[in-house]
Amino acid sequence: MDGHFLFVCKPSSHQTIEEYLTGIELPTLTHKVKRGRERFDYRYRWLSDVPLRGDALIVNWLMIEIVNAAGTVTYRNSFITDLEVGPDTVAELAACGRARWKIENESFNVLKNNGYNLEHNFGHGEVNLSAVFVSLNLLAFAFHTVCDLAEDLWRKAMEKMGTRSGFFENLRSITTFLIFPTWDDLLATLAFARPPPTAL
């Protein structure tokens, strides 16, 4: 396979790499970034060809620090990768590493807090029921993500309802009392506050 990896590198779990980093002068790159009125220094450091553990896999290590105008470090993280790290690639690799965690954390946040009740479902059943609920939750989340990306009426209905949990609550309420001939009719009713079509 020709796949590559980019993983978080915690100092506590990658002690061999920490030993290699101790007491050496690392190459450093600094970018000044302005967000609104705030200014930050993005500092990058890296080291190539470091053993992951003992004589194990050889990796490249990189670190990002974000420092505010007062000199306080507001973010720090390090990563390991098999991709080449240098002054031309370190900023992009750090951004990719940060994005990976942002995507993962936001997905779990949605699953826990925005109508999917993922944590609640872990408490059901003694053998397989909680696993079935989690699988159904993940399947629903995948379908909803496809709808978010590809279905115009779905997006308009979501915008109208304001929040994902509000959308699901309205969807649950309206289908308790009304039968819709099509999925599009249901979404149009939610999106445009249009009366549902009358049955013939």
N, C-alpha and C. Protein backbone atom coordinates (compact mmCIF):
# COMPACT_ATOMS: atom_id res chain seq x y z
N MET A 1 0.83 -1.19 0.00
CA MET A 1 0.00 0.00 0.00
C MET A 1 0.87 1.25 0.00
N ASP A 2 0.33 2.31 -0.58
CA ASP A 2 1.07 3.57 -0.66
C ASP A 2 0.51 4.63 0.27
N GLY A 3 -0.17 4.22 1.33
CA GLY A 3 -0.76 5.19 2.24
C GLY A 3 0.28 5.87 3.10
N HIS A 4 -0.07 7.02 3.62
CA HIS A 4 0.80 7.77 4.52
C HIS A 4 0.08 7.99 5.83
N PHE A 5 0.81 8.40 6.86
CA PHE A 5 0.19 8.64 8.15
C PHE A 5 0.64 9.97 8.72
N LEU A 6 -0.22 10.53 9.58
CA LEU A 6 0.05 11.75 10.32
C LEU A 6 -0.71 11.63 11.64
N PHE A 7 0.03 11.33 12.72
CA PHE A 7 -0.59 11.05 14.01
C PHE A 7 -0.09 12.03 15.07
N VAL A 8 -0.92 12.26 16.08
CA VAL A 8 -0.50 13.05 17.23
C VAL A 8 0.60 12.30 17.96
N CYS A 9 1.57 13.04 18.46
CA CYS A 9 2.71 12.45 19.17
C CYS A 9 2.77 13.03 20.58
N LYS A 10 2.18 12.34 21.53
CA LYS A 10 2.21 12.82 22.92
C LYS A 10 3.56 12.48 23.54
N PRO A 11 4.18 13.45 24.21
CA PRO A 11 5.49 13.19 24.83
C PRO A 11 5.47 12.00 25.78
N SER A 12 4.38 11.83 26.52
CA SER A 12 4.31 10.74 27.50
C SER A 12 4.27 9.37 26.85
N SER A 13 3.76 9.26 25.64
CA SER A 13 3.67 7.96 25.00
C SER A 13 4.73 7.72 23.93
N HIS A 14 5.56 8.72 23.68
CA HIS A 14 6.64 8.58 22.69
C HIS A 14 7.95 9.04 23.32
N GLN A 15 8.40 8.29 24.33
CA GLN A 15 9.55 8.70 25.13
C GLN A 15 10.86 8.64 24.35
N THR A 16 10.98 7.73 23.39
CA THR A 16 12.20 7.65 22.59
C THR A 16 12.38 8.93 21.78
N ILE A 17 11.31 9.41 21.19
CA ILE A 17 11.38 10.66 20.43
C ILE A 17 11.73 11.81 21.35
N GLU A 18 11.17 11.84 22.56
CA GLU A 18 11.48 12.90 23.52
C GLU A 18 12.96 12.90 23.87
N GLU A 19 13.55 11.72 23.99
CA GLU A 19 14.98 11.63 24.28
C GLU A 19 15.81 12.23 23.13
N TYR A 20 15.40 11.97 21.91
CA TYR A 20 16.10 12.54 20.75
C TYR A 20 15.98 14.05 20.70
N LEU A 21 14.86 14.59 21.18
CA LEU A 21 14.62 16.03 21.12
C LEU A 21 15.34 16.80 22.23
N THR A 22 15.72 16.09 23.29
CA THR A 22 16.31 16.76 24.44
C THR A 22 17.69 17.30 24.12
N GLY A 23 17.85 18.60 24.37
CA GLY A 23 19.17 19.23 24.27
C GLY A 23 19.68 19.53 22.87
N ILE A 24 18.85 19.42 21.85
CA ILE A 24 19.34 19.74 20.50
C ILE A 24 18.66 21.00 19.98
N GLU A 25 19.32 21.68 19.07
CA GLU A 25 18.78 22.87 18.44
C GLU A 25 17.93 22.42 17.25
N LEU A 26 16.64 22.69 17.30
CA LEU A 26 15.74 22.25 16.23
C LEU A 26 15.56 23.37 15.21
N PRO A 27 15.40 23.01 13.93
CA PRO A 27 15.05 24.03 12.96
C PRO A 27 13.69 24.64 13.34
N THR A 28 13.55 25.94 13.16
CA THR A 28 12.33 26.65 13.57
C THR A 28 11.87 27.56 12.44
N LEU A 29 10.57 27.58 12.25
CA LEU A 29 9.94 28.48 11.28
C LEU A 29 8.82 29.21 12.00
N THR A 30 8.72 30.53 11.84
CA THR A 30 7.67 31.32 12.48
C THR A 30 6.87 32.09 11.43
N HIS A 31 5.55 31.98 11.52
CA HIS A 31 4.65 32.77 10.68
C HIS A 31 3.84 33.69 11.58
N LYS A 32 3.73 34.93 11.20
CA LYS A 32 2.86 35.87 11.93
C LYS A 32 1.48 35.81 11.30
N VAL A 33 0.44 35.65 12.14
CA VAL A 33 -0.93 35.50 11.66
C VAL A 33 -1.81 36.51 12.38
N LYS A 34 -2.70 37.17 11.63
CA LYS A 34 -3.65 38.11 12.22
C LYS A 34 -5.05 37.54 12.02
N ARG A 35 -5.79 37.41 13.14
CA ARG A 35 -7.19 36.98 13.10
C ARG A 35 -8.02 38.06 13.76
N GLY A 36 -8.74 38.82 12.95
CA GLY A 36 -9.47 39.97 13.48
C GLY A 36 -8.47 40.99 14.00
N ARG A 37 -8.61 41.35 15.27
CA ARG A 37 -7.67 42.30 15.88
C ARG A 37 -6.51 41.61 16.58
N GLU A 38 -6.62 40.31 16.71
CA GLU A 38 -5.58 39.57 17.43
C GLU A 38 -4.45 39.13 16.50
N ARG A 39 -3.24 39.12 17.06
CA ARG A 39 -2.06 38.69 16.31
C ARG A 39 -1.44 37.49 17.03
N PHE A 40 -0.99 36.54 16.23
CA PHE A 40 -0.39 35.33 16.78
C PHE A 40 0.89 35.00 16.02
N ASP A 41 1.80 34.35 16.71
CA ASP A 41 2.96 33.74 16.07
C ASP A 41 2.73 32.24 16.02
N TYR A 42 2.79 31.68 14.81
CA TYR A 42 2.73 30.23 14.64
C TYR A 42 4.17 29.75 14.52
N ARG A 43 4.62 29.00 15.50
CA ARG A 43 6.00 28.50 15.50
C ARG A 43 6.01 27.00 15.19
N TYR A 44 6.84 26.64 14.26
CA TYR A 44 6.97 25.24 13.85
C TYR A 44 8.39 24.77 14.10
N ARG A 45 8.51 23.53 14.59
CA ARG A 45 9.81 22.88 14.75
C ARG A 45 9.68 21.47 14.20
N TRP A 46 10.80 20.90 13.77
CA TRP A 46 10.74 19.56 13.20
C TRP A 46 12.08 18.86 13.33
N LEU A 47 12.01 17.53 13.23
CA LEU A 47 13.20 16.67 13.25
C LEU A 47 12.90 15.46 12.38
N SER A 48 13.81 15.16 11.48
CA SER A 48 13.60 14.04 10.54
C SER A 48 14.36 12.81 10.99
N ASP A 49 13.86 11.66 10.54
CA ASP A 49 14.52 10.36 10.73
C ASP A 49 14.77 10.02 12.19
N VAL A 50 13.68 9.99 12.96
CA VAL A 50 13.75 9.65 14.38
C VAL A 50 13.11 8.28 14.56
N PRO A 51 13.74 7.38 15.35
CA PRO A 51 13.07 6.09 15.59
C PRO A 51 11.87 6.26 16.51
N LEU A 52 10.80 5.59 16.16
CA LEU A 52 9.58 5.66 16.97
C LEU A 52 9.82 5.05 18.35
N ARG A 53 10.45 3.89 18.37
CA ARG A 53 10.85 3.20 19.60
C ARG A 53 12.07 2.35 19.29
N GLY A 54 13.11 2.51 20.04
CA GLY A 54 14.29 1.68 19.85
C GLY A 54 14.71 1.63 18.40
N ASP A 55 14.70 0.42 17.83
CA ASP A 55 15.09 0.27 16.41
C ASP A 55 13.86 0.06 15.53
N ALA A 56 12.73 0.60 15.96
CA ALA A 56 11.47 0.43 15.22
C ALA A 56 11.40 1.39 14.05
N LEU A 57 10.22 1.62 13.58
CA LEU A 57 9.92 2.48 12.44
C LEU A 57 10.58 3.85 12.59
N ILE A 58 11.17 4.36 11.49
CA ILE A 58 11.76 5.69 11.46
C ILE A 58 10.68 6.67 10.99
N VAL A 59 10.49 7.75 11.75
CA VAL A 59 9.44 8.73 11.45
C VAL A 59 10.04 10.13 11.42
N ASN A 60 9.22 11.08 10.97
CA ASN A 60 9.57 12.48 11.03
C ASN A 60 8.64 13.14 12.05
N TRP A 61 9.21 13.99 12.88
CA TRP A 61 8.47 14.63 13.96
C TRP A 61 8.31 16.12 13.65
N LEU A 62 7.14 16.68 14.00
CA LEU A 62 6.94 18.12 13.86
C LEU A 62 6.08 18.62 15.00
N MET A 63 6.24 19.93 15.30
CA MET A 63 5.49 20.53 16.39
C MET A 63 4.99 21.90 15.96
N ILE A 64 3.82 22.28 16.46
CA ILE A 64 3.29 23.63 16.26
C ILE A 64 2.98 24.24 17.61
N GLU A 65 3.34 25.50 17.78
CA GLU A 65 2.97 26.30 18.94
C GLU A 65 2.32 27.57 18.42
N ILE A 66 1.21 27.95 19.04
CA ILE A 66 0.57 29.23 18.71
C ILE A 66 0.71 30.13 19.92
N VAL A 67 1.34 31.29 19.72
CA VAL A 67 1.65 32.21 20.80
C VAL A 67 0.93 33.52 20.55
N ASN A 68 0.19 34.01 21.55
CA ASN A 68 -0.54 35.28 21.37
C ASN A 68 0.39 36.47 21.57
N ALA A 69 -0.15 37.68 21.41
CA ALA A 69 0.66 38.90 21.47
C ALA A 69 1.29 39.09 22.86
N ALA A 70 0.67 38.55 23.89
CA ALA A 70 1.22 38.67 25.25
C ALA A 70 2.32 37.65 25.52
N GLY A 71 2.58 36.78 24.56
CA GLY A 71 3.63 35.77 24.73
C GLY A 71 3.16 34.48 25.36
N THR A 72 1.85 34.32 25.52
CA THR A 72 1.29 33.10 26.11
C THR A 72 1.04 32.06 25.02
N VAL A 73 1.47 30.84 25.27
CA VAL A 73 1.22 29.75 24.33
C VAL A 73 -0.24 29.33 24.46
N THR A 74 -1.02 29.51 23.39
CA THR A 74 -2.44 29.18 23.42
C THR A 74 -2.73 27.79 22.85
N TYR A 75 -1.79 27.26 22.11
CA TYR A 75 -1.97 25.91 21.53
C TYR A 75 -0.58 25.31 21.30
N ARG A 76 -0.44 24.03 21.62
CA ARG A 76 0.80 23.31 21.34
C ARG A 76 0.44 21.86 21.05
N ASN A 77 1.00 21.31 19.99
CA ASN A 77 0.80 19.90 19.69
C ASN A 77 1.95 19.44 18.81
N SER A 78 2.21 18.15 18.85
CA SER A 78 3.25 17.57 17.99
C SER A 78 2.69 16.35 17.28
N PHE A 79 3.31 16.03 16.15
CA PHE A 79 2.83 14.97 15.28
C PHE A 79 4.00 14.16 14.77
N ILE A 80 3.72 12.92 14.37
CA ILE A 80 4.70 12.10 13.64
C ILE A 80 4.09 11.73 12.30
N THR A 81 4.97 11.58 11.32
CA THR A 81 4.52 11.26 9.98
C THR A 81 5.62 10.54 9.21
N ASP A 82 5.23 9.89 8.12
CA ASP A 82 6.21 9.32 7.21
C ASP A 82 6.48 10.26 6.04
N LEU A 83 5.76 11.37 5.98
CA LEU A 83 5.94 12.36 4.92
C LEU A 83 7.15 13.24 5.23
N GLU A 84 7.74 13.78 4.18
CA GLU A 84 8.92 14.63 4.35
C GLU A 84 8.53 15.92 5.07
N VAL A 85 9.32 16.29 6.09
CA VAL A 85 9.07 17.51 6.85
C VAL A 85 10.24 18.46 6.66
N GLY A 86 9.92 19.71 6.33
CA GLY A 86 10.95 20.73 6.16
C GLY A 86 10.29 22.09 6.15
N PRO A 87 11.03 23.14 5.87
CA PRO A 87 10.45 24.49 5.92
C PRO A 87 9.32 24.70 4.92
N ASP A 88 9.30 23.92 3.83
CA ASP A 88 8.25 24.07 2.82
C ASP A 88 6.99 23.27 3.14
N THR A 89 7.09 22.29 4.03
CA THR A 89 5.95 21.39 4.27
C THR A 89 5.42 21.43 5.71
N VAL A 90 6.21 21.93 6.66
CA VAL A 90 5.85 21.80 8.07
C VAL A 90 4.53 22.50 8.42
N ALA A 91 4.29 23.69 7.88
CA ALA A 91 3.06 24.41 8.21
C ALA A 91 1.83 23.67 7.70
N GLU A 92 1.92 23.16 6.48
CA GLU A 92 0.78 22.43 5.91
C GLU A 92 0.52 21.13 6.66
N LEU A 93 1.58 20.41 7.02
CA LEU A 93 1.41 19.17 7.77
C LEU A 93 0.79 19.44 9.14
N ALA A 94 1.23 20.51 9.81
CA ALA A 94 0.65 20.85 11.11
C ALA A 94 -0.82 21.21 10.97
N ALA A 95 -1.17 21.94 9.91
CA ALA A 95 -2.58 22.30 9.67
C ALA A 95 -3.41 21.04 9.43
N CYS A 96 -2.86 20.08 8.68
CA CYS A 96 -3.57 18.82 8.44
C CYS A 96 -3.76 18.04 9.75
N GLY A 97 -2.74 17.99 10.58
CA GLY A 97 -2.85 17.31 11.87
C GLY A 97 -3.91 17.94 12.75
N ARG A 98 -3.94 19.27 12.78
CA ARG A 98 -4.95 19.97 13.58
C ARG A 98 -6.35 19.74 13.02
N ALA A 99 -6.49 19.74 11.69
CA ALA A 99 -7.80 19.55 11.06
C ALA A 99 -8.34 18.15 11.35
N ARG A 100 -7.47 17.17 11.37
CA ARG A 100 -7.90 15.79 11.65
C ARG A 100 -8.60 15.72 13.00
N TRP A 101 -8.01 16.33 14.03
CA TRP A 101 -8.61 16.30 15.35
C TRP A 101 -9.85 17.16 15.41
N LYS A 102 -9.86 18.29 14.71
CA LYS A 102 -11.04 19.15 14.68
C LYS A 102 -12.23 18.39 14.10
N ILE A 103 -12.00 17.69 12.99
CA ILE A 103 -13.06 16.93 12.34
C ILE A 103 -13.56 15.83 13.28
N GLU A 104 -12.62 15.10 13.88
CA GLU A 104 -13.02 14.00 14.77
C GLU A 104 -13.77 14.51 15.99
N ASN A 105 -13.25 15.57 16.63
CA ASN A 105 -13.91 16.10 17.82
C ASN A 105 -15.29 16.64 17.50
N GLU A 106 -15.44 17.35 16.37
CA GLU A 106 -16.74 17.89 16.01
C GLU A 106 -17.73 16.77 15.70
N SER A 107 -17.26 15.70 15.06
CA SER A 107 -18.15 14.57 14.78
C SER A 107 -18.65 13.94 16.06
N PHE A 108 -17.74 13.71 17.02
CA PHE A 108 -18.17 13.12 18.29
C PHE A 108 -19.08 14.08 19.05
N ASN A 109 -18.81 15.38 18.97
CA ASN A 109 -19.67 16.36 19.64
C ASN A 109 -21.09 16.30 19.08
N VAL A 110 -21.21 16.22 17.75
CA VAL A 110 -22.53 16.12 17.12
C VAL A 110 -23.23 14.84 17.57
N LEU A 111 -22.51 13.72 17.56
CA LEU A 111 -23.11 12.44 17.93
C LEU A 111 -23.55 12.42 19.40
N LYS A 112 -22.85 13.14 20.27
CA LYS A 112 -23.20 13.13 21.68
C LYS A 112 -24.27 14.16 22.04
N ASN A 113 -24.22 15.34 21.39
CA ASN A 113 -25.02 16.46 21.89
C ASN A 113 -26.09 16.99 20.95
N ASN A 114 -26.13 16.58 19.70
CA ASN A 114 -27.04 17.21 18.74
C ASN A 114 -28.12 16.28 18.22
N GLY A 115 -28.69 15.49 19.10
CA GLY A 115 -29.85 14.71 18.73
C GLY A 115 -29.61 13.22 18.53
N TYR A 116 -28.35 12.78 18.50
CA TYR A 116 -28.08 11.36 18.29
C TYR A 116 -27.97 10.58 19.61
N ASN A 117 -27.71 11.29 20.71
CA ASN A 117 -27.66 10.68 22.05
C ASN A 117 -26.73 9.47 22.12
N LEU A 118 -25.55 9.58 21.54
CA LEU A 118 -24.65 8.43 21.44
C LEU A 118 -24.27 7.88 22.82
N GLU A 119 -23.94 8.73 23.77
CA GLU A 119 -23.54 8.24 25.09
C GLU A 119 -24.68 7.51 25.78
N HIS A 120 -25.90 8.02 25.61
CA HIS A 120 -27.08 7.37 26.22
C HIS A 120 -27.23 5.94 25.70
N ASN A 121 -26.96 5.73 24.42
CA ASN A 121 -27.18 4.41 23.83
C ASN A 121 -26.19 3.36 24.30
N PHE A 122 -25.07 3.78 24.89
CA PHE A 122 -24.12 2.79 25.38
C PHE A 122 -24.63 2.06 26.61
N GLY A 123 -25.65 2.59 27.27
CA GLY A 123 -26.12 1.98 28.50
C GLY A 123 -27.17 0.92 28.33
N HIS A 124 -27.56 0.59 27.09
CA HIS A 124 -28.65 -0.36 26.88
C HIS A 124 -28.14 -1.77 26.60
N GLY A 125 -28.88 -2.74 27.12
CA GLY A 125 -28.60 -4.15 26.81
C GLY A 125 -27.43 -4.69 27.60
N GLU A 126 -27.38 -6.03 27.65
CA GLU A 126 -26.30 -6.69 28.38
C GLU A 126 -25.30 -7.34 27.43
N VAL A 127 -25.71 -7.61 26.18
CA VAL A 127 -24.81 -8.29 25.26
C VAL A 127 -24.58 -7.44 24.00
N ASN A 128 -25.61 -7.35 23.15
CA ASN A 128 -25.41 -6.72 21.84
C ASN A 128 -26.23 -5.46 21.58
N LEU A 129 -27.20 -5.16 22.42
CA LEU A 129 -28.13 -4.08 22.11
C LEU A 129 -27.43 -2.73 21.97
N SER A 130 -26.49 -2.42 22.87
CA SER A 130 -25.81 -1.12 22.78
C SER A 130 -24.99 -1.04 21.50
N ALA A 131 -24.37 -2.15 21.06
CA ALA A 131 -23.60 -2.16 19.81
C ALA A 131 -24.51 -1.93 18.61
N VAL A 132 -25.72 -2.51 18.65
CA VAL A 132 -26.69 -2.30 17.57
C VAL A 132 -27.10 -0.83 17.52
N PHE A 133 -27.39 -0.24 18.69
CA PHE A 133 -27.78 1.18 18.74
C PHE A 133 -26.67 2.08 18.21
N VAL A 134 -25.44 1.81 18.60
CA VAL A 134 -24.31 2.62 18.13
C VAL A 134 -24.16 2.48 16.62
N SER A 135 -24.29 1.27 16.10
CA SER A 135 -24.19 1.05 14.65
C SER A 135 -25.29 1.81 13.91
N LEU A 136 -26.51 1.76 14.43
CA LEU A 136 -27.62 2.50 13.80
C LEU A 136 -27.38 4.01 13.88
N ASN A 137 -26.84 4.47 15.01
CA ASN A 137 -26.50 5.88 15.16
C ASN A 137 -25.48 6.33 14.11
N LEU A 138 -24.42 5.55 13.95
CA LEU A 138 -23.38 5.89 12.99
C LEU A 138 -23.91 5.84 11.56
N LEU A 139 -24.78 4.88 11.28
CA LEU A 139 -25.39 4.79 9.96
C LEU A 139 -26.28 6.01 9.69
N ALA A 140 -27.08 6.40 10.68
CA ALA A 140 -27.92 7.60 10.53
C ALA A 140 -27.05 8.84 10.33
N PHE A 141 -25.97 8.96 11.10
CA PHE A 141 -25.06 10.10 10.97
C PHE A 141 -24.46 10.16 9.57
N ALA A 142 -24.09 8.99 9.02
CA ALA A 142 -23.53 8.95 7.67
C ALA A 142 -24.57 9.41 6.63
N PHE A 143 -25.81 8.93 6.75
CA PHE A 143 -26.87 9.34 5.82
C PHE A 143 -27.16 10.84 5.95
N HIS A 144 -27.18 11.33 7.18
CA HIS A 144 -27.45 12.75 7.39
C HIS A 144 -26.33 13.62 6.83
N THR A 145 -25.10 13.13 6.93
CA THR A 145 -23.96 13.86 6.35
C THR A 145 -24.08 13.93 4.84
N VAL A 146 -24.50 12.82 4.21
CA VAL A 146 -24.73 12.83 2.75
C VAL A 146 -25.83 13.83 2.41
N CYS A 147 -26.90 13.85 3.19
CA CYS A 147 -27.98 14.82 2.95
C CYS A 147 -27.48 16.25 3.11
N ASP A 148 -26.62 16.49 4.13
CA ASP A 148 -26.05 17.82 4.33
C ASP A 148 -25.27 18.27 3.09
N LEU A 149 -24.62 17.33 2.44
CA LEU A 149 -23.77 17.67 1.30
C LEU A 149 -24.52 17.71 -0.03
N ALA A 150 -25.59 16.92 -0.16
CA ALA A 150 -26.16 16.72 -1.50
C ALA A 150 -27.64 17.07 -1.66
N GLU A 151 -28.37 17.30 -0.59
CA GLU A 151 -29.81 17.47 -0.70
C GLU A 151 -30.22 18.90 -0.36
N ASP A 152 -30.64 19.67 -1.37
CA ASP A 152 -30.98 21.08 -1.17
C ASP A 152 -32.13 21.29 -0.20
N LEU A 153 -33.21 20.53 -0.35
CA LEU A 153 -34.35 20.69 0.55
C LEU A 153 -33.98 20.38 2.00
N TRP A 154 -33.14 19.37 2.19
CA TRP A 154 -32.66 19.01 3.53
C TRP A 154 -31.92 20.19 4.15
N ARG A 155 -31.00 20.79 3.38
CA ARG A 155 -30.23 21.93 3.89
C ARG A 155 -31.14 23.12 4.22
N LYS A 156 -32.13 23.38 3.36
CA LYS A 156 -33.05 24.50 3.61
C LYS A 156 -33.89 24.24 4.87
N ALA A 157 -34.32 23.01 5.05
CA ALA A 157 -35.09 22.66 6.25
C ALA A 157 -34.22 22.79 7.50
N MET A 158 -32.95 22.35 7.41
CA MET A 158 -32.02 22.48 8.54
C MET A 158 -31.80 23.94 8.89
N GLU A 159 -31.62 24.79 7.87
CA GLU A 159 -31.43 26.23 8.11
C GLU A 159 -32.65 26.83 8.80
N LYS A 160 -33.83 26.46 8.34
CA LYS A 160 -35.08 27.00 8.90
C LYS A 160 -35.23 26.62 10.37
N MET A 161 -34.84 25.39 10.73
CA MET A 161 -35.01 24.91 12.09
C MET A 161 -33.93 25.43 13.03
N GLY A 162 -32.82 25.89 12.49
CA GLY A 162 -31.78 26.51 13.31
C GLY A 162 -30.72 25.56 13.81
N THR A 163 -31.10 24.51 14.47
CA THR A 163 -30.12 23.55 15.01
C THR A 163 -30.48 22.15 14.53
N ARG A 164 -29.51 21.27 14.58
CA ARG A 164 -29.75 19.88 14.18
C ARG A 164 -30.77 19.23 15.11
N SER A 165 -30.63 19.46 16.40
CA SER A 165 -31.59 18.85 17.33
C SER A 165 -32.98 19.45 17.14
N GLY A 166 -33.06 20.75 16.83
CA GLY A 166 -34.35 21.37 16.53
C GLY A 166 -34.99 20.79 15.28
N PHE A 167 -34.16 20.52 14.28
CA PHE A 167 -34.64 19.88 13.06
C PHE A 167 -35.24 18.51 13.37
N PHE A 168 -34.51 17.70 14.13
CA PHE A 168 -35.00 16.35 14.46
C PHE A 168 -36.27 16.42 15.30
N GLU A 169 -36.35 17.37 16.22
CA GLU A 169 -37.53 17.50 17.07
C GLU A 169 -38.76 17.87 16.23
N ASN A 170 -38.59 18.81 15.30
CA ASN A 170 -39.70 19.18 14.41
C ASN A 170 -40.08 18.05 13.48
N LEU A 171 -39.09 17.32 12.99
CA LEU A 171 -39.34 16.17 12.13
C LEU A 171 -40.15 15.12 12.89
N ARG A 172 -39.75 14.87 14.13
CA ARG A 172 -40.45 13.88 14.97
C ARG A 172 -41.88 14.34 15.26
N SER A 173 -42.05 15.62 15.57
CA SER A 173 -43.38 16.14 15.93
C SER A 173 -44.35 16.11 14.75
N ILE A 174 -43.88 16.59 13.61
CA ILE A 174 -44.79 16.72 12.47
C ILE A 174 -45.21 15.36 11.91
N THR A 175 -44.31 14.38 11.97
CA THR A 175 -44.65 13.06 11.44
C THR A 175 -45.49 12.25 12.43
N THR A 176 -45.62 12.74 13.66
CA THR A 176 -46.51 12.08 14.62
C THR A 176 -47.97 12.28 14.21
N PHE A 177 -48.25 13.45 13.63
CA PHE A 177 -49.63 13.82 13.34
C PHE A 177 -50.00 13.80 11.86
N LEU A 178 -49.04 13.85 10.98
CA LEU A 178 -49.32 13.93 9.54
C LEU A 178 -48.58 12.85 8.75
N ILE A 179 -49.23 12.43 7.68
CA ILE A 179 -48.60 11.49 6.75
C ILE A 179 -48.31 12.26 5.47
N PHE A 180 -47.07 12.17 5.01
CA PHE A 180 -46.65 12.90 3.82
C PHE A 180 -46.50 11.93 2.66
N PRO A 181 -46.98 12.33 1.47
CA PRO A 181 -46.87 11.42 0.32
C PRO A 181 -45.43 11.16 -0.10
N THR A 182 -44.56 12.17 0.06
CA THR A 182 -43.15 11.98 -0.34
C THR A 182 -42.24 12.65 0.67
N TRP A 183 -40.99 12.24 0.64
CA TRP A 183 -39.94 12.84 1.46
C TRP A 183 -39.78 14.32 1.12
N ASP A 184 -39.85 14.66 -0.18
CA ASP A 184 -39.72 16.06 -0.60
C ASP A 184 -40.84 16.92 -0.02
N ASP A 185 -42.06 16.38 0.04
CA ASP A 185 -43.18 17.12 0.63
C ASP A 185 -42.92 17.43 2.11
N LEU A 186 -42.37 16.44 2.82
CA LEU A 186 -42.06 16.63 4.23
C LEU A 186 -40.99 17.71 4.40
N LEU A 187 -39.92 17.62 3.63
CA LEU A 187 -38.84 18.61 3.76
C LEU A 187 -39.30 20.00 3.34
N ALA A 188 -40.12 20.09 2.29
CA ALA A 188 -40.63 21.39 1.85
C ALA A 188 -41.51 22.01 2.91
N THR A 189 -42.30 21.20 3.61
CA THR A 189 -43.14 21.71 4.69
C THR A 189 -42.28 22.30 5.80
N LEU A 190 -41.18 21.61 6.16
CA LEU A 190 -40.28 22.11 7.20
C LEU A 190 -39.50 23.33 6.72
N ALA A 191 -39.04 23.28 5.47
CA ALA A 191 -38.17 24.35 4.96
C ALA A 191 -38.90 25.64 4.71
N PHE A 192 -40.13 25.57 4.21
CA PHE A 192 -40.83 26.76 3.77
C PHE A 192 -42.10 27.05 4.58
N ALA A 193 -42.30 26.30 5.68
CA ALA A 193 -43.52 26.42 6.48
C ALA A 193 -44.74 26.35 5.58
N ARG A 194 -44.66 25.50 4.59
CA ARG A 194 -45.74 25.31 3.60
C ARG A 194 -46.69 24.23 4.13
N PRO A 195 -47.99 24.43 4.01
CA PRO A 195 -48.91 23.38 4.45
C PRO A 195 -48.67 22.09 3.65
N PRO A 196 -48.77 20.96 4.33
CA PRO A 196 -48.56 19.72 3.60
C PRO A 196 -49.64 19.48 2.57
N PRO A 197 -49.34 18.72 1.51
CA PRO A 197 -50.37 18.43 0.50
C PRO A 197 -51.51 17.64 1.13
N THR A 198 -52.72 17.90 0.69
CA THR A 198 -53.89 17.20 1.22
C THR A 198 -54.06 15.87 0.48
N ALA A 199 -54.49 14.88 1.23
CA ALA A 199 -54.72 13.56 0.64
C ALA A 199 -55.98 13.62 -0.23
N LEU A 200 -55.95 12.91 -1.35
CA LEU A 200 -57.11 12.87 -2.25
C LEU A 200 -58.05 11.77 -1.85
